[in-house]
C-alpha atoms as a PDB file:
ATOM      1  CA  UNK A   1     111.208 151.442  53.957  1.00  0.00           C
ATOM      2  CA  UNK A   2     113.415 154.176  55.352  1.00  0.00           C
ATOM      3  CA  UNK A   3     116.441 152.210  54.262  1.00  0.00           C
ATOM      4  CA  UNK A   4     118.946 154.242  56.273  1.00  0.00           C
ATOM      5  CA  UNK A   5     117.475 152.666  59.392  1.00  0.00           C
ATOM      6  CA  UNK A   6     118.288 149.170  58.240  1.00  0.00           C
ATOM      7  CA  UNK A   7     122.012 149.289  58.789  1.00  0.00           C
ATOM      8  CA  UNK A   8     124.922 151.622  58.068  1.00  0.00           C
ATOM      9  CA  UNK A   9     126.432 150.658  54.746  1.00  0.00           C
ATOM     10  CA  UNK A  10     129.981 150.905  56.018  1.00  0.00           C
ATOM     11  CA  UNK A  11     129.322 148.391  58.803  1.00  0.00           C
ATOM     12  CA  UNK A  12     126.654 146.289  57.118  1.00  0.00           C
ATOM     13  CA  UNK A  13     128.465 142.988  57.446  1.00  0.00           C
ATOM     14  CA  UNK A  14     128.533 143.103  61.231  1.00  0.00           C
ATOM     15  CA  UNK A  15     124.894 144.127  61.494  1.00  0.00           C
ATOM     16  CA  UNK A  16     123.754 141.426  59.112  1.00  0.00           C
ATOM     17  CA  UNK A  17     125.698 138.785  60.981  1.00  0.00           C
ATOM     18  CA  UNK A  18     123.866 139.576  64.186  1.00  0.00           C
ATOM     19  CA  UNK A  19     120.407 140.073  62.716  1.00  0.00           C
ATOM     20  CA  UNK A  20     120.261 137.205  60.272  1.00  0.00           C
ATOM     21  CA  UNK A  21     120.501 134.447  62.844  1.00  0.00           C
ATOM     22  CA  UNK A  22     116.755 134.583  63.341  1.00  0.00           C
ATOM     23  CA  UNK A  23     115.891 132.759  60.128  1.00  0.00           C
ATOM     24  CA  UNK A  24     119.096 131.358  58.768  1.00  0.00           C
ATOM     25  CA  UNK A  25     120.032 128.873  61.451  1.00  0.00           C
ATOM     26  CA  UNK A  26     121.677 128.890  64.849  1.00  0.00           C
ATOM     27  CA  UNK A  27     125.380 129.343  65.372  1.00  0.00           C
ATOM     28  CA  UNK A  28     127.427 126.217  65.803  1.00  0.00           C
ATOM     29  CA  UNK A  29     129.302 125.391  69.002  1.00  0.00           C
ATOM     30  CA  UNK A  30     132.354 127.215  67.706  1.00  0.00           C
ATOM     31  CA  UNK A  31     130.430 130.205  66.353  1.00  0.00           C
ATOM     32  CA  UNK A  32     128.710 132.419  68.868  1.00  0.00           C
ATOM     33  CA  UNK A  33     127.101 135.831  68.633  1.00  0.00           C
ATOM     34  CA  UNK A  34     129.055 139.063  68.369  1.00  0.00           C
ATOM     35  CA  UNK A  35     128.415 140.188  71.951  1.00  0.00           C
ATOM     36  CA  UNK A  36     130.408 137.189  73.159  1.00  0.00           C
ATOM     37  CA  UNK A  37     134.136 136.984  73.820  1.00  0.00           C
ATOM     38  CA  UNK A  38     134.267 134.170  71.268  1.00  0.00           C
ATOM     39  CA  UNK A  39     134.648 134.421  67.514  1.00  0.00           C
ATOM     40  CA  UNK A  40     131.438 135.716  65.892  1.00  0.00           C
ATOM     41  CA  UNK A  41     129.468 133.706  63.363  1.00  0.00           C
ATOM     42  CA  UNK A  42     131.452 133.583  60.119  1.00  0.00           C
ATOM     43  CA  UNK A  43     129.772 135.823  57.564  1.00  0.00           C
ATOM     44  CA  UNK A  44     130.680 133.555  54.636  1.00  0.00           C
ATOM     45  CA  UNK A  45     128.962 130.630  56.331  1.00  0.00           C
ATOM     46  CA  UNK A  46     126.059 132.852  57.253  1.00  0.00           C
ATOM     47  CA  UNK A  47     125.501 133.904  53.618  1.00  0.00           C
ATOM     48  CA  UNK A  48     125.441 130.242  52.622  1.00  0.00           C
ATOM     49  CA  UNK A  49     122.871 129.607  55.361  1.00  0.00           C
ATOM     50  CA  UNK A  50     120.732 132.429  54.010  1.00  0.00           C
ATOM     51  CA  UNK A  51     120.958 131.061  50.468  1.00  0.00           C
ATOM     52  CA  UNK A  52     119.939 127.619  51.722  1.00  0.00           C
ATOM     53  CA  UNK A  53     117.044 129.048  53.709  1.00  0.00           C
ATOM     54  CA  UNK A  54     115.650 130.904  50.681  1.00  0.00           C
ATOM     55  CA  UNK A  55     116.691 128.246  48.159  1.00  0.00           C
ATOM     56  CA  UNK A  56     118.295 131.144  46.295  1.00  0.00           C
ATOM     57  CA  UNK A  57     118.877 130.677  42.565  1.00  0.00           C
ATOM     58  CA  UNK A  58     119.395 133.095  39.681  1.00  0.00           C
ATOM     59  CA  UNK A  59     116.756 132.845  36.954  1.00  0.00           C
ATOM     60  CA  UNK A  60     117.387 133.115  33.207  1.00  0.00           C
ATOM     61  CA  UNK A  61     117.585 136.895  33.511  1.00  0.00           C
ATOM     62  CA  UNK A  62     120.108 136.739  36.345  1.00  0.00           C
ATOM     63  CA  UNK A  63     117.541 137.773  38.960  1.00  0.00           C
ATOM     64  CA  UNK A  64     117.896 136.045  42.312  1.00  0.00           C
ATOM     65  CA  UNK A  65     114.726 134.242  43.314  1.00  0.00           C
ATOM     66  CA  UNK A  66     113.557 132.277  46.335  1.00  0.00           C
ATOM     67  CA  UNK A  67     112.400 128.717  45.815  1.00  0.00           C
ATOM     68  CA  UNK A  68     108.754 127.809  46.482  1.00  0.00           C
ATOM     69  CA  UNK A  69     110.101 124.569  47.974  1.00  0.00           C
ATOM     70  CA  UNK A  70     112.535 126.288  50.361  1.00  0.00           C
ATOM     71  CA  UNK A  71     112.426 126.324  54.175  1.00  0.00           C
ATOM     72  CA  UNK A  72     111.514 130.004  53.825  1.00  0.00           C
ATOM     73  CA  UNK A  73     108.464 129.166  51.714  1.00  0.00           C
ATOM     74  CA  UNK A  74     107.431 126.441  54.151  1.00  0.00           C
ATOM     75  CA  UNK A  75     107.700 128.827  57.107  1.00  0.00           C
ATOM     76  CA  UNK A  76     105.532 131.346  55.266  1.00  0.00           C
ATOM     77  CA  UNK A  77     102.943 128.707  54.406  1.00  0.00           C
ATOM     78  CA  UNK A  78     102.613 127.753  58.071  1.00  0.00           C
ATOM     79  CA  UNK A  79     102.129 131.395  59.049  1.00  0.00           C
ATOM     80  CA  UNK A  80      99.538 131.893  56.296  1.00  0.00           C
ATOM     81  CA  UNK A  81      97.514 128.852  57.363  1.00  0.00           C
ATOM     82  CA  UNK A  82      97.361 130.055  60.949  1.00  0.00           C
ATOM     83  CA  UNK A  83      96.583 133.636  59.904  1.00  0.00           C
ATOM     84  CA  UNK A  84      93.721 132.640  57.606  1.00  0.00           C
ATOM     85  CA  UNK A  85      92.088 130.579  60.331  1.00  0.00           C
ATOM     86  CA  UNK A  86      92.434 133.427  62.802  1.00  0.00           C
ATOM     87  CA  UNK A  87      91.243 136.137  60.377  1.00  0.00           C
ATOM     88  CA  UNK A  88      88.149 134.129  59.546  1.00  0.00           C
ATOM     89  CA  UNK A  89      87.256 133.764  63.234  1.00  0.00           C
ATOM     90  CA  UNK A  90      88.180 137.339  64.162  1.00  0.00           C
ATOM     91  CA  UNK A  91      86.227 138.796  61.235  1.00  0.00           C
ATOM     92  CA  UNK A  92      83.077 136.886  62.142  1.00  0.00           C
ATOM     93  CA  UNK A  93      83.347 137.963  65.768  1.00  0.00           C
ATOM     94  CA  UNK A  94      84.036 141.627  64.976  1.00  0.00           C
ATOM     95  CA  UNK A  95      81.285 141.923  62.389  1.00  0.00           C
ATOM     96  CA  UNK A  96      78.810 140.233  64.736  1.00  0.00           C
ATOM     97  CA  UNK A  97      79.599 142.900  67.338  1.00  0.00           C
ATOM     98  CA  UNK A  98      79.183 145.704  64.823  1.00  0.00           C
ATOM     99  CA  UNK A  99      82.895 146.507  64.670  1.00  0.00           C
ATOM    100  CA  UNK A 100      84.959 147.269  61.580  1.00  0.00           C
ATOM    101  CA  UNK A 101      87.732 144.640  61.402  1.00  0.00           C
ATOM    102  CA  UNK A 102      90.988 145.546  59.673  1.00  0.00           C
ATOM    103  CA  UNK A 103      94.359 144.018  58.914  1.00  0.00           C
ATOM    104  CA  UNK A 104      97.617 145.927  58.442  1.00  0.00           C
ATOM    105  CA  UNK A 105     100.487 144.833  56.200  1.00  0.00           C
ATOM    106  CA  UNK A 106     104.023 146.120  55.931  1.00  0.00           C
ATOM    107  CA  UNK A 107     105.239 146.082  52.302  1.00  0.00           C
ATOM    108  CA  UNK A 108     109.004 145.435  52.015  1.00  0.00           C
ATOM    109  CA  UNK A 109     109.671 141.723  52.565  1.00  0.00           C
ATOM    110  CA  UNK A 110     106.154 141.250  53.869  1.00  0.00           C
ATOM    111  CA  UNK A 111     104.404 141.568  50.501  1.00  0.00           C
ATOM    112  CA  UNK A 112     107.281 142.309  48.092  1.00  0.00           C
ATOM    113  CA  UNK A 113     110.473 140.273  48.301  1.00  0.00           C
ATOM    114  CA  UNK A 114     113.778 142.193  48.150  1.00  0.00           C
ATOM    115  CA  UNK A 115     116.066 139.153  48.024  1.00  0.00           C
ATOM    116  CA  UNK A 116     117.528 140.087  44.633  1.00  0.00           C
ATOM    117  CA  UNK A 117     118.614 143.503  45.932  1.00  0.00           C
ATOM    118  CA  UNK A 118     120.100 142.068  49.112  1.00  0.00           C
ATOM    119  CA  UNK A 119     121.974 139.348  47.261  1.00  0.00           C
ATOM    120  CA  UNK A 120     123.126 141.559  44.399  1.00  0.00           C
ATOM    121  CA  UNK A 121     124.578 144.209  46.727  1.00  0.00           C
ATOM    122  CA  UNK A 122     125.959 141.732  49.242  1.00  0.00           C
ATOM    123  CA  UNK A 123     123.523 142.771  51.973  1.00  0.00           C
ATOM    124  CA  UNK A 124     124.644 146.399  51.956  1.00  0.00           C
ATOM    125  CA  UNK A 125     122.539 149.476  51.309  1.00  0.00           C
ATOM    126  CA  UNK A 126     122.831 152.538  49.112  1.00  0.00           C
ATOM    127  CA  UNK A 127     119.971 155.018  48.853  1.00  0.00           C
ATOM    128  CA  UNK A 128     120.375 155.520  45.107  1.00  0.00           C
ATOM    129  CA  UNK A 129     120.489 151.827  44.194  1.00  0.00           C
ATOM    130  CA  UNK A 130     117.593 151.072  46.534  1.00  0.00           C
ATOM    131  CA  UNK A 131     115.448 153.855  45.050  1.00  0.00           C
ATOM    132  CA  UNK A 132     116.170 152.612  41.538  1.00  0.00           C
ATOM    133  CA  UNK A 133     115.325 149.063  42.583  1.00  0.00           C
ATOM    134  CA  UNK A 134     111.986 150.089  44.109  1.00  0.00           C
ATOM    135  CA  UNK A 135     111.131 152.265  41.096  1.00  0.00           C
ATOM    136  CA  UNK A 136     111.481 149.283  38.767  1.00  0.00           C
ATOM    137  CA  UNK A 137     108.335 147.906  40.423  1.00  0.00           C
ATOM    138  CA  UNK A 138     109.149 144.308  39.556  1.00  0.00           C
ATOM    139  CA  UNK A 139     109.831 142.651  42.900  1.00  0.00           C
ATOM    140  CA  UNK A 140     108.248 139.216  43.239  1.00  0.00           C
ATOM    141  CA  UNK A 141     105.695 138.456  45.913  1.00  0.00           C
ATOM    142  CA  UNK A 142     106.520 137.156  49.343  1.00  0.00           C
ATOM    143  CA  UNK A 143     105.011 133.698  48.904  1.00  0.00           C
ATOM    144  CA  UNK A 144     101.359 133.643  49.929  1.00  0.00           C
ATOM    145  CA  UNK A 145     101.111 137.223  51.190  1.00  0.00           C
ATOM    146  CA  UNK A 146      99.107 138.733  48.299  1.00  0.00           C
ATOM    147  CA  UNK A 147      96.699 135.816  48.602  1.00  0.00           C
ATOM    148  CA  UNK A 148      96.353 136.603  52.305  1.00  0.00           C
ATOM    149  CA  UNK A 149      95.484 140.216  51.417  1.00  0.00           C
ATOM    150  CA  UNK A 150      92.718 139.011  49.096  1.00  0.00           C
ATOM    151  CA  UNK A 151      91.531 136.436  51.641  1.00  0.00           C
ATOM    152  CA  UNK A 152      91.051 139.102  54.312  1.00  0.00           C
ATOM    153  CA  UNK A 153      89.203 141.424  51.924  1.00  0.00           C
ATOM    154  CA  UNK A 154      86.806 138.665  50.845  1.00  0.00           C
ATOM    155  CA  UNK A 155      85.860 138.124  54.479  1.00  0.00           C
ATOM    156  CA  UNK A 156      84.867 141.700  55.008  1.00  0.00           C
ATOM    157  CA  UNK A 157      88.132 142.807  56.607  1.00  0.00           C
ATOM    158  CA  UNK A 158      89.511 146.176  55.504  1.00  0.00           C
ATOM    159  CA  UNK A 159      93.131 146.024  54.333  1.00  0.00           C
ATOM    160  CA  UNK A 160      95.613 148.772  55.218  1.00  0.00           C
ATOM    161  CA  UNK A 161      99.313 149.106  54.379  1.00  0.00           C
ATOM    162  CA  UNK A 162     101.822 150.636  56.790  1.00  0.00           C
ATOM    163  CA  UNK A 163     105.191 150.965  55.091  1.00  0.00           C
ATOM    164  CA  UNK A 164     108.526 152.664  55.562  1.00  0.00           C
ATOM    165  CA  UNK A 165     108.659 153.435  51.840  1.00  0.00           C
ATOM    166  CA  UNK A 166     108.625 157.146  51.131  1.00  0.00           C
ATOM    167  CA  UNK A 167     105.763 159.141  49.666  1.00  0.00           C
ATOM    168  CA  UNK A 168     107.863 159.570  46.511  1.00  0.00           C
ATOM    169  CA  UNK A 169     107.800 155.793  46.033  1.00  0.00           C
ATOM    170  CA  UNK A 170     104.022 155.483  46.159  1.00  0.00           C
ATOM    171  CA  UNK A 171     103.382 154.982  42.432  1.00  0.00           C
ATOM    172  CA  UNK A 172     106.057 152.287  42.187  1.00  0.00           C
ATOM    173  CA  UNK A 173     104.705 150.506  45.281  1.00  0.00           C
ATOM    174  CA  UNK A 174     101.166 150.551  43.907  1.00  0.00           C
ATOM    175  CA  UNK A 175     102.289 149.263  40.506  1.00  0.00           C
ATOM    176  CA  UNK A 176     104.332 146.468  42.081  1.00  0.00           C
ATOM    177  CA  UNK A 177     101.544 145.400  44.447  1.00  0.00           C
ATOM    178  CA  UNK A 178      99.123 145.245  41.533  1.00  0.00           C
ATOM    179  CA  UNK A 179     101.623 143.147  39.603  1.00  0.00           C
ATOM    180  CA  UNK A 180     101.809 140.489  42.345  1.00  0.00           C
ATOM    181  CA  UNK A 181      98.049 140.396  42.892  1.00  0.00           C
ATOM    182  CA  UNK A 182      97.727 142.472  46.065  1.00  0.00           C
ATOM    183  CA  UNK A 183      95.334 144.812  44.266  1.00  0.00           C
ATOM    184  CA  UNK A 184      93.229 145.746  47.292  1.00  0.00           C
ATOM    185  CA  UNK A 185      92.751 149.256  48.747  1.00  0.00           C
ATOM    186  CA  UNK A 186      95.830 150.769  47.112  1.00  0.00           C
ATOM    187  CA  UNK A 187      94.554 154.326  47.535  1.00  0.00           C
ATOM    188  CA  UNK A 188      96.128 156.962  49.778  1.00  0.00           C
ATOM    189  CA  UNK A 189      93.448 156.442  52.415  1.00  0.00           C
ATOM    190  CA  UNK A 190      94.578 152.869  53.002  1.00  0.00           C
ATOM    191  CA  UNK A 191      98.289 152.921  52.127  1.00  0.00           C
ATOM    192  CA  UNK A 192     100.353 154.872  54.647  1.00  0.00           C
ATOM    193  CA  UNK A 193     103.889 155.842  53.565  1.00  0.00           C
ATOM    194  CA  UNK A 194     106.473 158.106  55.175  1.00  0.00           C
ATOM    195  CA  UNK A 195     105.996 161.734  54.281  1.00  0.00           C
ATOM    196  CA  UNK A 196     108.790 163.685  55.954  1.00  0.00           C
ATOM    197  CA  UNK A 197     107.984 166.904  54.081  1.00  0.00           C
ATOM    198  CA  UNK A 198     104.366 166.975  55.202  1.00  0.00           C
ATOM    199  CA  UNK A 199     103.788 164.449  57.994  1.00  0.00           C
ATOM    200  CA  UNK A 200     100.254 163.784  59.272  1.00  0.00           C
ATOM    201  CA  UNK A 201      99.066 165.524  62.416  1.00  0.00           C
ATOM    202  CA  UNK A 202      98.702 162.236  64.289  1.00  0.00           C
ATOM    203  CA  UNK A 203     102.517 161.959  64.253  1.00  0.00           C
ATOM    204  CA  UNK A 204     103.070 165.498  65.531  1.00  0.00           C
ATOM    205  CA  UNK A 205     104.881 164.210  68.612  1.00  0.00           C
ATOM    206  CA  UNK A 206     107.845 163.126  66.501  1.00  0.00           C
ATOM    207  CA  UNK A 207     107.340 164.700  63.066  1.00  0.00           C
ATOM    208  CA  UNK A 208     106.677 168.225  61.871  1.00  0.00           C
ATOM    209  CA  UNK A 209     106.962 169.575  58.308  1.00  0.00           C
ATOM    210  CA  UNK A 210     110.543 169.046  57.208  1.00  0.00           C
ATOM    211  CA  UNK A 211     111.620 167.468  60.500  1.00  0.00           C
ATOM    212  CA  UNK A 212     111.183 163.742  61.006  1.00  0.00           C
ATOM    213  CA  UNK A 213     112.440 162.178  64.252  1.00  0.00           C
ATOM    214  CA  UNK A 214     110.006 159.254  64.522  1.00  0.00           C
ATOM    215  CA  UNK A 215     111.497 155.844  65.152  1.00  0.00           C
ATOM    216  CA  UNK A 216     110.066 152.971  63.135  1.00  0.00           C
ATOM    217  CA  UNK A 217     107.982 151.888  66.119  1.00  0.00           C
ATOM    218  CA  UNK A 218     106.672 155.420  66.715  1.00  0.00           C
ATOM    219  CA  UNK A 219     105.736 155.812  63.056  1.00  0.00           C
ATOM    220  CA  UNK A 220     104.097 152.432  62.634  1.00  0.00           C
ATOM    221  CA  UNK A 221     102.368 152.240  66.008  1.00  0.00           C
ATOM    222  CA  UNK A 222     101.228 155.854  65.587  1.00  0.00           C
ATOM    223  CA  UNK A 223      99.704 154.985  62.242  1.00  0.00           C
ATOM    224  CA  UNK A 224      97.904 151.967  63.678  1.00  0.00           C
ATOM    225  CA  UNK A 225      96.622 154.160  66.508  1.00  0.00           C
ATOM    226  CA  UNK A 226      95.237 156.534  63.863  1.00  0.00           C
ATOM    227  CA  UNK A 227      93.521 153.645  62.066  1.00  0.00           C
ATOM    228  CA  UNK A 228      91.874 152.487  65.265  1.00  0.00           C
ATOM    229  CA  UNK A 229      91.121 155.704  67.166  1.00  0.00           C
ATOM    230  CA  UNK A 230      90.556 158.192  64.352  1.00  0.00           C
ATOM    231  CA  UNK A 231      89.197 155.940  61.588  1.00  0.00           C
ATOM    232  CA  UNK A 232      87.273 153.629  63.904  1.00  0.00           C
ATOM    233  CA  UNK A 233      88.666 150.239  62.887  1.00  0.00           C
ATOM    234  CA  UNK A 234      89.603 147.253  65.034  1.00  0.00           C
ATOM    235  CA  UNK A 235      92.952 145.941  63.791  1.00  0.00           C
ATOM    236  CA  UNK A 236      92.600 142.203  64.258  1.00  0.00           C
ATOM    237  CA  UNK A 237      95.999 141.365  62.764  1.00  0.00           C
ATOM    238  CA  UNK A 238      99.245 143.146  61.900  1.00  0.00           C
ATOM    239  CA  UNK A 239     101.836 141.583  59.567  1.00  0.00           C
ATOM    240  CA  UNK A 240     105.507 142.495  59.223  1.00  0.00           C
ATOM    241  CA  UNK A 241     108.982 141.057  58.705  1.00  0.00           C
ATOM    242  CA  UNK A 242     110.543 143.236  61.440  1.00  0.00           C
ATOM    243  CA  UNK A 243     109.652 143.395  65.114  1.00  0.00           C
ATOM    244  CA  UNK A 244     109.591 147.174  64.707  1.00  0.00           C
ATOM    245  CA  UNK A 245     106.678 146.650  62.288  1.00  0.00           C
ATOM    246  CA  UNK A 246     104.767 144.991  65.112  1.00  0.00           C
ATOM    247  CA  UNK A 247     105.774 146.615  68.396  1.00  0.00           C
ATOM    248  CA  UNK A 248     103.834 149.424  70.019  1.00  0.00           C
ATOM    249  CA  UNK A 249     100.364 147.920  70.276  1.00  0.00           C
ATOM    250  CA  UNK A 250      97.157 148.762  68.394  1.00  0.00           C
ATOM    251  CA  UNK A 251      96.642 145.269  66.970  1.00  0.00           C
ATOM    252  CA  UNK A 252      94.884 142.262  68.469  1.00  0.00           C
ATOM    253  CA  UNK A 253      97.431 139.835  67.064  1.00  0.00           C
ATOM    254  CA  UNK A 254     100.792 140.160  65.293  1.00  0.00           C
ATOM    255  CA  UNK A 255     102.459 137.912  62.730  1.00  0.00           C
ATOM    256  CA  UNK A 256     106.240 138.049  62.272  1.00  0.00           C
ATOM    257  CA  UNK A 257     107.305 136.925  58.799  1.00  0.00           C
ATOM    258  CA  UNK A 258     110.843 135.547  58.435  1.00  0.00           C
ATOM    259  CA  UNK A 259     113.610 137.825  57.167  1.00  0.00           C
ATOM    260  CA  UNK A 260     117.238 136.857  57.847  1.00  0.00           C
ATOM    261  CA  UNK A 261     118.798 139.521  55.603  1.00  0.00           C
ATOM    262  CA  UNK A 262     118.497 142.799  57.552  1.00  0.00           C
ATOM    263  CA  UNK A 263     117.277 144.366  60.771  1.00  0.00           C
ATOM    264  CA  UNK A 264     115.283 147.563  61.295  1.00  0.00           C
ATOM    265  CA  UNK A 265     115.243 148.792  64.872  1.00  0.00           C
END
């Protein structure tokens, strides 16, 4: 992920407070959103809500983990059940018509969970600490998502990845995805990462060598357009934890995974 788009580090607390309400619980009667004249949602209470939602605990190594019994895990399980049923039907229909069905997955907090980083750095961002965290290649899976990757592949659906991680982080992303069991189509022809130094021609409207002005939606929708129009696939489903992963079209159906810890516009 192009982490600088998530939130400015100096004002992270305010951004998190507004964005995290999606999954962590609604504000109480005395706690309204920041665009109101009333007191905003208290960030200390909000962090507790986030911990409750994930069932956050530190393991024996001090790494923060989500609980498989948490509300977060239950929300993911419901999404996975619906997605599997849909993928099965969509794959049969597409293959019957002679089309090439495909699914597209974001990576950060869609396949690989970054909760430990968010919790450890108090929901702020620093490019150096984030790069080091990604390079460790030991993030746990987002519950059920690697299984969903394998499920789609077994039904004849081609899996693509469309991530805001940089080209320099490719080897770490591949290693981490293999570690969690999402070992499907991890080659450069199926995993699209940001390459600001040498962007692909299909993004020429917002990116030229050394100059990247693409928004997240432009980058991700442009990549999906390339998959459909240039590579000839029918994207039956697109999965992401941010609405910017999903907006812009070029997918028959979208699935928003819960993420109350940050917002990428």
